[in-house]
């Protein structure tokens, strides 16, 4: 399979474009976007963002 980092670089711009104007799943200090069979979770951690990819 594709390493997560390569998948992230390839899919993130497409995912963000598709999600413009759509609702996302908001939780405190994080936002989740389903894409294919994965869920990309961006968490606000201090002064940076952390990406978690769940199958």
PDB file of N, CA and C in Angstrom:
ATOM      1  N   UNK A   1       0.808  -1.197   0.000  1.00  0.00           N
ATOM      2  CA  UNK A   1       0.000   0.000   0.000  1.00  0.00           C
ATOM      3  C   UNK A   1       0.842   1.248   0.000  1.00  0.00           C
ATOM      4  N   UNK A   2       0.168   2.344  -0.043  1.00  0.00           N
ATOM      5  CA  UNK A   2       0.802   3.665  -0.035  1.00  0.00           C
ATOM      6  C   UNK A   2       1.114   4.051   1.413  1.00  0.00           C
ATOM      7  N   UNK A   3       2.314   4.576   1.673  1.00  0.00           N
ATOM      8  CA  UNK A   3       2.593   5.072   3.031  1.00  0.00           C
ATOM      9  C   UNK A   3       1.629   6.215   3.370  1.00  0.00           C
ATOM     10  N   UNK A   4       1.287   6.350   4.637  1.00  0.00           N
ATOM     11  CA  UNK A   4       0.331   7.379   5.061  1.00  0.00           C
ATOM     12  C   UNK A   4       0.757   8.781   4.623  1.00  0.00           C
ATOM     13  N   UNK A   5       2.057   9.076   4.693  1.00  0.00           N
ATOM     14  CA  UNK A   5       2.535  10.412   4.332  1.00  0.00           C
ATOM     15  C   UNK A   5       2.253  10.709   2.856  1.00  0.00           C
ATOM     16  N   UNK A   6       2.515   9.743   1.989  1.00  0.00           N
ATOM     17  CA  UNK A   6       2.252   9.926   0.556  1.00  0.00           C
ATOM     18  C   UNK A   6       0.751  10.039   0.299  1.00  0.00           C
ATOM     19  N   UNK A   7      -0.023   9.228   0.995  1.00  0.00           N
ATOM     20  CA  UNK A   7      -1.481   9.275   0.859  1.00  0.00           C
ATOM     21  C   UNK A   7      -1.997  10.652   1.283  1.00  0.00           C
ATOM     22  N   UNK A   8      -1.466  11.161   2.383  1.00  0.00           N
ATOM     23  CA  UNK A   8      -1.854  12.476   2.891  1.00  0.00           C
ATOM     24  C   UNK A   8      -1.561  13.557   1.852  1.00  0.00           C
ATOM     25  N   UNK A   9      -0.354  13.543   1.274  1.00  0.00           N
ATOM     26  CA  UNK A   9       0.016  14.549   0.265  1.00  0.00           C
ATOM     27  C   UNK A   9      -0.875  14.463  -0.963  1.00  0.00           C
ATOM     28  N   UNK A  10      -1.215  13.254  -1.356  1.00  0.00           N
ATOM     29  CA  UNK A  10      -2.020  13.053  -2.559  1.00  0.00           C
ATOM     30  C   UNK A  10      -3.487  13.408  -2.317  1.00  0.00           C
ATOM     31  N   UNK A  11      -4.028  12.960  -1.205  1.00  0.00           N
ATOM     32  CA  UNK A  11      -5.464  13.059  -0.961  1.00  0.00           C
ATOM     33  C   UNK A  11      -5.921  14.351  -0.301  1.00  0.00           C
ATOM     34  N   UNK A  12      -5.088  14.990   0.508  1.00  0.00           N
ATOM     35  CA  UNK A  12      -5.557  16.158   1.265  1.00  0.00           C
ATOM     36  C   UNK A  12      -6.096  17.277   0.373  1.00  0.00           C
ATOM     37  N   UNK A  13      -5.365  17.715  -0.662  1.00  0.00           N
ATOM     38  CA  UNK A  13      -5.931  18.787  -1.498  1.00  0.00           C
ATOM     39  C   UNK A  13      -7.263  18.391  -2.141  1.00  0.00           C
ATOM     40  N   UNK A  14      -7.359  17.159  -2.628  1.00  0.00           N
ATOM     41  CA  UNK A  14      -8.605  16.688  -3.239  1.00  0.00           C
ATOM     42  C   UNK A  14      -9.719  16.630  -2.203  1.00  0.00           C
ATOM     43  N   UNK A  15      -9.386  16.139  -1.020  1.00  0.00           N
ATOM     44  CA  UNK A  15     -10.367  15.998   0.049  1.00  0.00           C
ATOM     45  C   UNK A  15     -10.901  17.371   0.466  1.00  0.00           C
ATOM     46  N   UNK A  16     -10.005  18.339   0.633  1.00  0.00           N
ATOM     47  CA  UNK A  16     -10.439  19.672   1.048  1.00  0.00           C
ATOM     48  C   UNK A  16     -11.302  20.329  -0.025  1.00  0.00           C
ATOM     49  N   UNK A  17     -10.950  20.121  -1.287  1.00  0.00           N
ATOM     50  CA  UNK A  17     -11.745  20.676  -2.381  1.00  0.00           C
ATOM     51  C   UNK A  17     -13.153  20.081  -2.382  1.00  0.00           C
ATOM     52  N   UNK A  18     -13.253  18.772  -2.206  1.00  0.00           N
ATOM     53  CA  UNK A  18     -14.556  18.091  -2.192  1.00  0.00           C
ATOM     54  C   UNK A  18     -15.403  18.532  -1.002  1.00  0.00           C
ATOM     55  N   UNK A  19     -14.735  18.848   0.111  1.00  0.00           N
ATOM     56  CA  UNK A  19     -15.461  19.145   1.343  1.00  0.00           C
ATOM     57  C   UNK A  19     -15.875  20.607   1.481  1.00  0.00           C
ATOM     58  N   UNK A  20     -15.474  21.454   0.542  1.00  0.00           N
ATOM     59  CA  UNK A  20     -15.878  22.857   0.633  1.00  0.00           C
ATOM     60  C   UNK A  20     -17.401  22.931   0.645  1.00  0.00           C
ATOM     61  N   UNK A  21     -17.932  23.604   1.633  1.00  0.00           N
ATOM     62  CA  UNK A  21     -19.373  23.767   1.725  1.00  0.00           C
ATOM     63  C   UNK A  21     -20.102  22.587   2.353  1.00  0.00           C
ATOM     64  N   UNK A  22     -19.391  21.505   2.650  1.00  0.00           N
ATOM     65  CA  UNK A  22     -20.031  20.345   3.283  1.00  0.00           C
ATOM     66  C   UNK A  22     -19.771  20.377   4.779  1.00  0.00           C
ATOM     67  N   UNK A  23     -20.595  19.676   5.494  1.00  0.00           N
ATOM     68  CA  UNK A  23     -20.419  19.609   6.938  1.00  0.00           C
ATOM     69  C   UNK A  23     -19.334  18.597   7.273  1.00  0.00           C
ATOM     70  N   UNK A  24     -18.589  18.903   8.286  1.00  0.00           N
ATOM     71  CA  UNK A  24     -17.578  17.981   8.782  1.00  0.00           C
ATOM     72  C   UNK A  24     -17.939  17.636  10.223  1.00  0.00           C
ATOM     73  N   UNK A  25     -17.227  16.703  10.784  1.00  0.00           N
ATOM     74  CA  UNK A  25     -17.501  16.260  12.140  1.00  0.00           C
ATOM     75  C   UNK A  25     -16.598  17.025  13.092  1.00  0.00           C
ATOM     76  N   UNK A  26     -17.202  17.942  13.861  1.00  0.00           N
ATOM     77  CA  UNK A  26     -16.427  18.770  14.776  1.00  0.00           C
ATOM     78  C   UNK A  26     -16.487  18.201  16.186  1.00  0.00           C
ATOM     79  N   UNK A  27     -15.330  18.173  16.812  1.00  0.00           N
ATOM     80  CA  UNK A  27     -15.239  17.840  18.222  1.00  0.00           C
ATOM     81  C   UNK A  27     -14.351  18.917  18.833  1.00  0.00           C
ATOM     82  N   UNK A  28     -14.291  18.959  20.142  1.00  0.00           N
ATOM     83  CA  UNK A  28     -13.478  19.985  20.779  1.00  0.00           C
ATOM     84  C   UNK A  28     -12.022  19.864  20.335  1.00  0.00           C
ATOM     85  N   UNK A  29     -11.488  20.940  19.780  1.00  0.00           N
ATOM     86  CA  UNK A  29     -10.097  21.024  19.328  1.00  0.00           C
ATOM     87  C   UNK A  29      -9.728  20.044  18.226  1.00  0.00           C
ATOM     88  N   UNK A  30     -10.718  19.508  17.493  1.00  0.00           N
ATOM     89  CA  UNK A  30     -10.391  18.611  16.381  1.00  0.00           C
ATOM     90  C   UNK A  30     -11.493  18.637  15.333  1.00  0.00           C
ATOM     91  N   UNK A  31     -11.128  18.185  14.133  1.00  0.00           N
ATOM     92  CA  UNK A  31     -12.094  18.063  13.048  1.00  0.00           C
ATOM     93  C   UNK A  31     -11.753  16.789  12.284  1.00  0.00           C
ATOM     94  N   UNK A  32     -12.781  16.055  11.863  1.00  0.00           N
ATOM     95  CA  UNK A  32     -12.579  14.770  11.190  1.00  0.00           C
ATOM     96  C   UNK A  32     -13.200  14.795   9.803  1.00  0.00           C
ATOM     97  N   UNK A  33     -12.491  14.205   8.849  1.00  0.00           N
ATOM     98  CA  UNK A  33     -12.976  14.094   7.474  1.00  0.00           C
ATOM     99  C   UNK A  33     -12.886  12.644   7.024  1.00  0.00           C
ATOM    100  N   UNK A  34     -14.009  12.013   6.707  1.00  0.00           N
ATOM    101  CA  UNK A  34     -13.944  10.660   6.138  1.00  0.00           C
ATOM    102  C   UNK A  34     -13.515  10.743   4.675  1.00  0.00           C
ATOM    103  N   UNK A  35     -12.677   9.812   4.256  1.00  0.00           N
ATOM    104  CA  UNK A  35     -12.221   9.762   2.865  1.00  0.00           C
ATOM    105  C   UNK A  35     -11.920   8.306   2.534  1.00  0.00           C
ATOM    106  N   UNK A  36     -12.722   7.738   1.656  1.00  0.00           N
ATOM    107  CA  UNK A  36     -12.530   6.322   1.333  1.00  0.00           C
ATOM    108  C   UNK A  36     -12.759   5.483   2.574  1.00  0.00           C
ATOM    109  N   UNK A  37     -11.805   4.616   2.884  1.00  0.00           N
ATOM    110  CA  UNK A  37     -11.949   3.756   4.059  1.00  0.00           C
ATOM    111  C   UNK A  37     -11.174   4.295   5.260  1.00  0.00           C
ATOM    112  N   UNK A  38     -10.756   5.558   5.211  1.00  0.00           N
ATOM    113  CA  UNK A  38     -10.009   6.152   6.316  1.00  0.00           C
ATOM    114  C   UNK A  38     -10.729   7.396   6.829  1.00  0.00           C
ATOM    115  N   UNK A  39     -10.397   7.771   8.062  1.00  0.00           N
ATOM    116  CA  UNK A  39     -10.891   9.019   8.640  1.00  0.00           C
ATOM    117  C   UNK A  39      -9.660   9.830   9.031  1.00  0.00           C
ATOM    118  N   UNK A  40      -9.565  11.050   8.497  1.00  0.00           N
ATOM    119  CA  UNK A  40      -8.461  11.948   8.804  1.00  0.00           C
ATOM    120  C   UNK A  40      -8.924  12.867   9.928  1.00  0.00           C
ATOM    121  N   UNK A  41      -8.204  12.860  11.044  1.00  0.00           N
ATOM    122  CA  UNK A  41      -8.569  13.667  12.205  1.00  0.00           C
ATOM    123  C   UNK A  41      -7.443  14.670  12.465  1.00  0.00           C
ATOM    124  N   UNK A  42      -7.782  15.956  12.379  1.00  0.00           N
ATOM    125  CA  UNK A  42      -6.826  17.019  12.659  1.00  0.00           C
ATOM    126  C   UNK A  42      -7.111  17.527  14.067  1.00  0.00           C
ATOM    127  N   UNK A  43      -6.089  17.472  14.945  1.00  0.00           N
ATOM    128  CA  UNK A  43      -6.248  17.908  16.331  1.00  0.00           C
ATOM    129  C   UNK A  43      -5.372  19.123  16.585  1.00  0.00           C
ATOM    130  N   UNK A  44      -5.926  20.089  17.290  1.00  0.00           N
ATOM    131  CA  UNK A  44      -5.187  21.278  17.699  1.00  0.00           C
ATOM    132  C   UNK A  44      -4.484  20.938  19.005  1.00  0.00           C
ATOM    133  N   UNK A  45      -3.156  20.801  18.933  1.00  0.00           N
ATOM    134  CA  UNK A  45      -2.373  20.422  20.107  1.00  0.00           C
ATOM    135  C   UNK A  45      -1.353  21.531  20.371  1.00  0.00           C
ATOM    136  N   UNK A  46      -1.627  22.356  21.358  1.00  0.00           N
ATOM    137  CA  UNK A  46      -0.721  23.459  21.676  1.00  0.00           C
ATOM    138  C   UNK A  46      -0.593  24.417  20.510  1.00  0.00           C
ATOM    139  N   UNK A  47       0.641  24.586  20.018  1.00  0.00           N
ATOM    140  CA  UNK A  47       0.879  25.523  18.912  1.00  0.00           C
ATOM    141  C   UNK A  47       1.032  24.817  17.571  1.00  0.00           C
ATOM    142  N   UNK A  48       0.525  23.583  17.470  1.00  0.00           N
ATOM    143  CA  UNK A  48       0.630  22.845  16.207  1.00  0.00           C
ATOM    144  C   UNK A  48      -0.604  21.986  15.995  1.00  0.00           C
ATOM    145  N   UNK A  49      -0.714  21.430  14.809  1.00  0.00           N
ATOM    146  CA  UNK A  49      -1.787  20.498  14.495  1.00  0.00           C
ATOM    147  C   UNK A  49      -1.215  19.093  14.406  1.00  0.00           C
ATOM    148  N   UNK A  50      -1.970  18.136  14.863  1.00  0.00           N
ATOM    149  CA  UNK A  50      -1.583  16.733  14.799  1.00  0.00           C
ATOM    150  C   UNK A  50      -2.587  16.024  13.898  1.00  0.00           C
ATOM    151  N   UNK A  51      -2.086  15.175  13.012  1.00  0.00           N
ATOM    152  CA  UNK A  51      -2.954  14.408  12.121  1.00  0.00           C
ATOM    153  C   UNK A  51      -2.987  12.965  12.585  1.00  0.00           C
ATOM    154  N   UNK A  52      -4.193  12.436  12.757  1.00  0.00           N
ATOM    155  CA  UNK A  52      -4.395  11.025  13.084  1.00  0.00           C
ATOM    156  C   UNK A  52      -5.193  10.425  11.940  1.00  0.00           C
ATOM    157  N   UNK A  53      -4.738   9.290  11.423  1.00  0.00           N
ATOM    158  CA  UNK A  53      -5.446   8.613  10.338  1.00  0.00           C
ATOM    159  C   UNK A  53      -5.936   7.275  10.869  1.00  0.00           C
ATOM    160  N   UNK A  54      -7.259   7.094  10.862  1.00  0.00           N
ATOM    161  CA  UNK A  54      -7.857   5.847  11.347  1.00  0.00           C
ATOM    162  C   UNK A  54      -8.432   5.064  10.186  1.00  0.00           C
ATOM    163  N   UNK A  55      -8.289   3.750  10.265  1.00  0.00           N
ATOM    164  CA  UNK A  55      -8.869   2.866   9.242  1.00  0.00           C
ATOM    165  C   UNK A  55     -10.325   2.629   9.519  1.00  0.00           C
TER     166      UNK A  55
END
